Amino acid sequence: MKFHALVFILLFACMYLSLAQGSYGNCCLGYVKDIRKKSNIVSYAMQESDGDCNIRAVLFTMKRRAKPVCANPNDDWVQKEIRRLKKIEQ
């Protein structure tokens, strides 16, 4: 009986940890310092530091890249790229 309880608790703990880790799957955990080919940036989205995500970030969508690139919204080059993309949208 003790063995079954131990297995159940262990299984529950592993399941809980995997669910907690999975909640950060779509969040930026760090920033890039620069993007060499800025002409490959096609759009952007903002990540706020509420809910599941811990840091505020700009997610740049790139040509021919599935995952977005995370950048610091306070960096000058990031602000410049956001302004450039807003002009293209208009």
N, C-alpha and C. Protein backbone atom coordinates (compact mmCIF):
# COMPACT_ATOMS: atom_id res chain seq x y z
N MET A 1 0.82 -1.20 0.00
CA MET A 1 0.00 0.00 0.00
C MET A 1 0.86 1.26 0.00
N LYS A 2 1.94 1.25 0.81
CA LYS A 2 2.82 2.41 0.86
C LYS A 2 3.50 2.63 -0.48
N PHE A 3 3.84 1.52 -1.15
CA PHE A 3 4.50 1.62 -2.45
C PHE A 3 3.57 2.29 -3.46
N HIS A 4 2.30 1.93 -3.48
CA HIS A 4 1.34 2.52 -4.41
C HIS A 4 1.14 4.01 -4.13
N ALA A 5 1.11 4.39 -2.88
CA ALA A 5 0.97 5.80 -2.52
C ALA A 5 2.20 6.59 -2.96
N LEU A 6 3.38 6.00 -2.78
CA LEU A 6 4.61 6.65 -3.19
C LEU A 6 4.65 6.84 -4.71
N VAL A 7 4.27 5.83 -5.46
CA VAL A 7 4.23 5.92 -6.91
C VAL A 7 3.23 6.98 -7.36
N PHE A 8 2.08 7.02 -6.72
CA PHE A 8 1.06 8.01 -7.05
C PHE A 8 1.57 9.43 -6.79
N ILE A 9 2.21 9.65 -5.66
CA ILE A 9 2.75 10.97 -5.32
C ILE A 9 3.85 11.36 -6.29
N LEU A 10 4.71 10.44 -6.63
CA LEU A 10 5.79 10.71 -7.58
C LEU A 10 5.23 11.05 -8.97
N LEU A 11 4.25 10.30 -9.40
CA LEU A 11 3.61 10.56 -10.69
C LEU A 11 2.94 11.93 -10.70
N PHE A 12 2.23 12.25 -9.63
CA PHE A 12 1.57 13.55 -9.52
C PHE A 12 2.59 14.69 -9.53
N ALA A 13 3.71 14.53 -8.83
CA ALA A 13 4.75 15.57 -8.78
C ALA A 13 5.36 15.79 -10.16
N CYS A 14 5.64 14.73 -10.88
CA CYS A 14 6.20 14.85 -12.24
C CYS A 14 5.22 15.53 -13.18
N MET A 15 3.96 15.18 -13.08
CA MET A 15 2.94 15.78 -13.92
C MET A 15 2.81 17.28 -13.61
N TYR A 16 2.84 17.64 -12.35
CA TYR A 16 2.73 19.03 -11.94
C TYR A 16 3.91 19.85 -12.46
N LEU A 17 5.11 19.31 -12.34
CA LEU A 17 6.30 20.03 -12.80
C LEU A 17 6.30 20.19 -14.32
N SER A 18 5.84 19.20 -15.04
CA SER A 18 5.82 19.32 -16.50
C SER A 18 4.79 20.34 -16.95
N LEU A 19 3.67 20.45 -16.27
CA LEU A 19 2.67 21.46 -16.60
C LEU A 19 3.16 22.85 -16.26
N ALA A 20 3.85 23.00 -15.16
CA ALA A 20 4.38 24.30 -14.76
C ALA A 20 5.44 24.76 -15.74
N GLN A 21 6.28 23.84 -16.20
CA GLN A 21 7.33 24.19 -17.15
C GLN A 21 6.72 24.52 -18.51
N GLY A 22 5.68 23.87 -18.90
CA GLY A 22 5.06 24.10 -20.19
C GLY A 22 4.40 25.45 -20.32
N SER A 23 4.08 26.10 -19.22
CA SER A 23 3.41 27.39 -19.29
C SER A 23 4.32 28.48 -19.82
N TYR A 24 5.64 28.27 -19.82
CA TYR A 24 6.57 29.25 -20.34
C TYR A 24 6.97 28.97 -21.79
N GLY A 25 6.30 28.07 -22.45
CA GLY A 25 6.67 27.67 -23.80
C GLY A 25 6.62 28.79 -24.82
N ASN A 26 5.72 29.75 -24.66
CA ASN A 26 5.58 30.83 -25.63
C ASN A 26 6.10 32.15 -25.10
N CYS A 27 6.92 32.13 -24.08
CA CYS A 27 7.44 33.35 -23.48
C CYS A 27 8.91 33.54 -23.79
N CYS A 28 9.31 34.80 -23.91
CA CYS A 28 10.72 35.13 -24.04
C CYS A 28 11.36 35.04 -22.66
N LEU A 29 12.50 34.41 -22.60
CA LEU A 29 13.22 34.30 -21.34
C LEU A 29 14.49 35.14 -21.35
N GLY A 30 14.81 35.73 -22.51
CA GLY A 30 16.00 36.57 -22.65
C GLY A 30 15.90 37.37 -23.93
N TYR A 31 16.91 38.21 -24.18
CA TYR A 31 16.91 39.10 -25.34
C TYR A 31 18.10 38.82 -26.24
N VAL A 32 17.93 39.11 -27.53
CA VAL A 32 19.07 39.16 -28.43
C VAL A 32 19.65 40.58 -28.34
N LYS A 33 20.95 40.71 -28.61
CA LYS A 33 21.56 42.03 -28.56
C LYS A 33 21.32 42.81 -29.84
N ASP A 34 21.23 42.11 -30.96
CA ASP A 34 21.03 42.77 -32.25
C ASP A 34 20.60 41.73 -33.27
N ILE A 35 20.01 42.20 -34.35
CA ILE A 35 19.66 41.35 -35.49
C ILE A 35 20.43 41.88 -36.69
N ARG A 36 21.23 41.04 -37.30
CA ARG A 36 22.08 41.50 -38.41
C ARG A 36 21.26 41.93 -39.61
N LYS A 37 20.37 41.07 -40.06
CA LYS A 37 19.57 41.38 -41.25
C LYS A 37 18.20 41.88 -40.82
N LYS A 38 18.15 43.15 -40.51
CA LYS A 38 16.89 43.73 -40.05
C LYS A 38 15.84 43.77 -41.16
N SER A 39 16.29 43.67 -42.39
CA SER A 39 15.34 43.65 -43.51
C SER A 39 14.50 42.37 -43.52
N ASN A 40 14.91 41.35 -42.77
CA ASN A 40 14.15 40.10 -42.68
C ASN A 40 13.03 40.16 -41.64
N ILE A 41 12.93 41.26 -40.90
CA ILE A 41 11.86 41.41 -39.91
C ILE A 41 10.59 41.78 -40.66
N VAL A 42 9.53 40.99 -40.45
CA VAL A 42 8.27 41.25 -41.16
C VAL A 42 7.17 41.80 -40.25
N SER A 43 7.23 41.51 -38.94
CA SER A 43 6.22 42.03 -38.02
C SER A 43 6.75 41.91 -36.59
N TYR A 44 5.96 42.46 -35.67
CA TYR A 44 6.34 42.38 -34.28
C TYR A 44 5.10 42.25 -33.40
N ALA A 45 5.32 41.80 -32.19
CA ALA A 45 4.26 41.73 -31.18
C ALA A 45 4.90 42.04 -29.83
N MET A 46 4.09 42.53 -28.92
CA MET A 46 4.60 42.86 -27.58
C MET A 46 4.26 41.73 -26.61
N GLN A 47 5.20 41.41 -25.76
CA GLN A 47 4.98 40.48 -24.66
C GLN A 47 5.06 41.29 -23.37
N GLU A 48 4.00 41.30 -22.61
CA GLU A 48 3.99 42.02 -21.34
C GLU A 48 4.42 41.07 -20.22
N SER A 49 4.83 41.64 -19.12
CA SER A 49 5.34 40.83 -18.00
C SER A 49 4.23 40.44 -17.02
N ASP A 50 3.05 40.19 -17.54
CA ASP A 50 1.95 39.75 -16.69
C ASP A 50 1.59 38.31 -17.05
N GLY A 51 0.84 37.67 -16.22
CA GLY A 51 0.43 36.30 -16.51
C GLY A 51 1.59 35.33 -16.41
N ASP A 52 1.79 34.56 -17.47
CA ASP A 52 2.81 33.50 -17.46
C ASP A 52 4.21 34.01 -17.74
N CYS A 53 4.35 35.12 -18.42
CA CYS A 53 5.67 35.59 -18.87
C CYS A 53 6.28 36.54 -17.85
N ASN A 54 7.60 36.38 -17.63
CA ASN A 54 8.27 37.14 -16.58
C ASN A 54 8.89 38.45 -17.04
N ILE A 55 9.17 38.59 -18.32
CA ILE A 55 9.82 39.81 -18.80
C ILE A 55 9.01 40.46 -19.92
N ARG A 56 9.18 41.76 -20.04
CA ARG A 56 8.56 42.51 -21.13
C ARG A 56 9.50 42.40 -22.33
N ALA A 57 8.95 42.12 -23.50
CA ALA A 57 9.80 41.92 -24.68
C ALA A 57 9.04 42.26 -25.95
N VAL A 58 9.81 42.48 -27.02
CA VAL A 58 9.27 42.62 -28.36
C VAL A 58 9.61 41.33 -29.10
N LEU A 59 8.60 40.71 -29.70
CA LEU A 59 8.81 39.48 -30.46
C LEU A 59 8.79 39.84 -31.94
N PHE A 60 9.93 39.74 -32.58
CA PHE A 60 10.03 40.02 -34.01
C PHE A 60 9.81 38.73 -34.79
N THR A 61 8.92 38.79 -35.77
CA THR A 61 8.71 37.67 -36.68
C THR A 61 9.63 37.88 -37.87
N MET A 62 10.38 36.84 -38.21
CA MET A 62 11.38 36.93 -39.27
C MET A 62 10.95 36.09 -40.48
N LYS A 63 11.45 36.49 -41.65
CA LYS A 63 11.25 35.66 -42.84
C LYS A 63 11.97 34.33 -42.65
N ARG A 64 11.35 33.25 -43.06
CA ARG A 64 11.95 31.91 -43.04
C ARG A 64 12.44 31.48 -41.66
N ARG A 65 11.75 31.91 -40.60
CA ARG A 65 12.10 31.46 -39.25
C ARG A 65 10.81 31.23 -38.49
N ALA A 66 10.66 30.04 -37.95
CA ALA A 66 9.41 29.68 -37.28
C ALA A 66 9.26 30.38 -35.93
N LYS A 67 10.32 30.43 -35.13
CA LYS A 67 10.25 31.03 -33.80
C LYS A 67 10.54 32.53 -33.88
N PRO A 68 9.81 33.32 -33.11
CA PRO A 68 10.11 34.76 -33.08
C PRO A 68 11.41 35.04 -32.35
N VAL A 69 11.98 36.21 -32.62
CA VAL A 69 13.21 36.65 -31.98
C VAL A 69 12.82 37.66 -30.90
N CYS A 70 13.33 37.47 -29.70
CA CYS A 70 12.97 38.31 -28.56
C CYS A 70 13.99 39.44 -28.38
N ALA A 71 13.47 40.66 -28.24
CA ALA A 71 14.34 41.82 -28.08
C ALA A 71 13.86 42.69 -26.94
N ASN A 72 14.78 43.47 -26.40
CA ASN A 72 14.49 44.37 -25.29
C ASN A 72 13.76 45.60 -25.83
N PRO A 73 12.54 45.88 -25.37
CA PRO A 73 11.79 47.02 -25.88
C PRO A 73 12.41 48.37 -25.55
N ASN A 74 13.37 48.41 -24.64
CA ASN A 74 14.03 49.66 -24.27
C ASN A 74 15.25 49.98 -25.13
N ASP A 75 15.71 49.03 -25.94
CA ASP A 75 16.86 49.27 -26.80
C ASP A 75 16.49 50.20 -27.95
N ASP A 76 17.43 51.07 -28.31
CA ASP A 76 17.18 52.05 -29.38
C ASP A 76 16.89 51.39 -30.73
N TRP A 77 17.65 50.34 -31.07
CA TRP A 77 17.46 49.70 -32.37
C TRP A 77 16.09 49.03 -32.45
N VAL A 78 15.57 48.57 -31.32
CA VAL A 78 14.25 47.93 -31.28
C VAL A 78 13.17 48.99 -31.55
N GLN A 79 13.29 50.14 -30.89
CA GLN A 79 12.34 51.23 -31.11
C GLN A 79 12.36 51.69 -32.56
N LYS A 80 13.55 51.74 -33.14
CA LYS A 80 13.69 52.15 -34.55
C LYS A 80 12.98 51.16 -35.48
N GLU A 81 13.13 49.87 -35.21
CA GLU A 81 12.48 48.85 -36.04
C GLU A 81 10.97 48.87 -35.87
N ILE A 82 10.49 49.14 -34.68
CA ILE A 82 9.05 49.24 -34.46
C ILE A 82 8.48 50.41 -35.27
N ARG A 83 9.18 51.55 -35.25
CA ARG A 83 8.73 52.71 -36.04
C ARG A 83 8.72 52.38 -37.53
N ARG A 84 9.76 51.67 -37.99
CA ARG A 84 9.84 51.29 -39.41
C ARG A 84 8.67 50.38 -39.79
N LEU A 85 8.37 49.40 -38.94
CA LEU A 85 7.28 48.47 -39.22
C LEU A 85 5.93 49.17 -39.18
N LYS A 86 5.77 50.12 -38.30
CA LYS A 86 4.50 50.87 -38.24
C LYS A 86 4.29 51.69 -39.51
N LYS A 87 5.36 52.23 -40.09
CA LYS A 87 5.25 52.97 -41.35
C LYS A 87 4.83 52.06 -42.49
N ILE A 88 5.36 50.85 -42.49
CA ILE A 88 5.01 49.89 -43.54
C ILE A 88 3.54 49.51 -43.45
N GLU A 89 3.01 49.37 -42.23
CA GLU A 89 1.62 48.97 -42.03
C GLU A 89 0.65 50.03 -42.53
N GLN A 90 1.04 51.29 -42.51
CA GLN A 90 0.11 52.36 -42.90
C GLN A 90 -0.07 52.47 -44.36
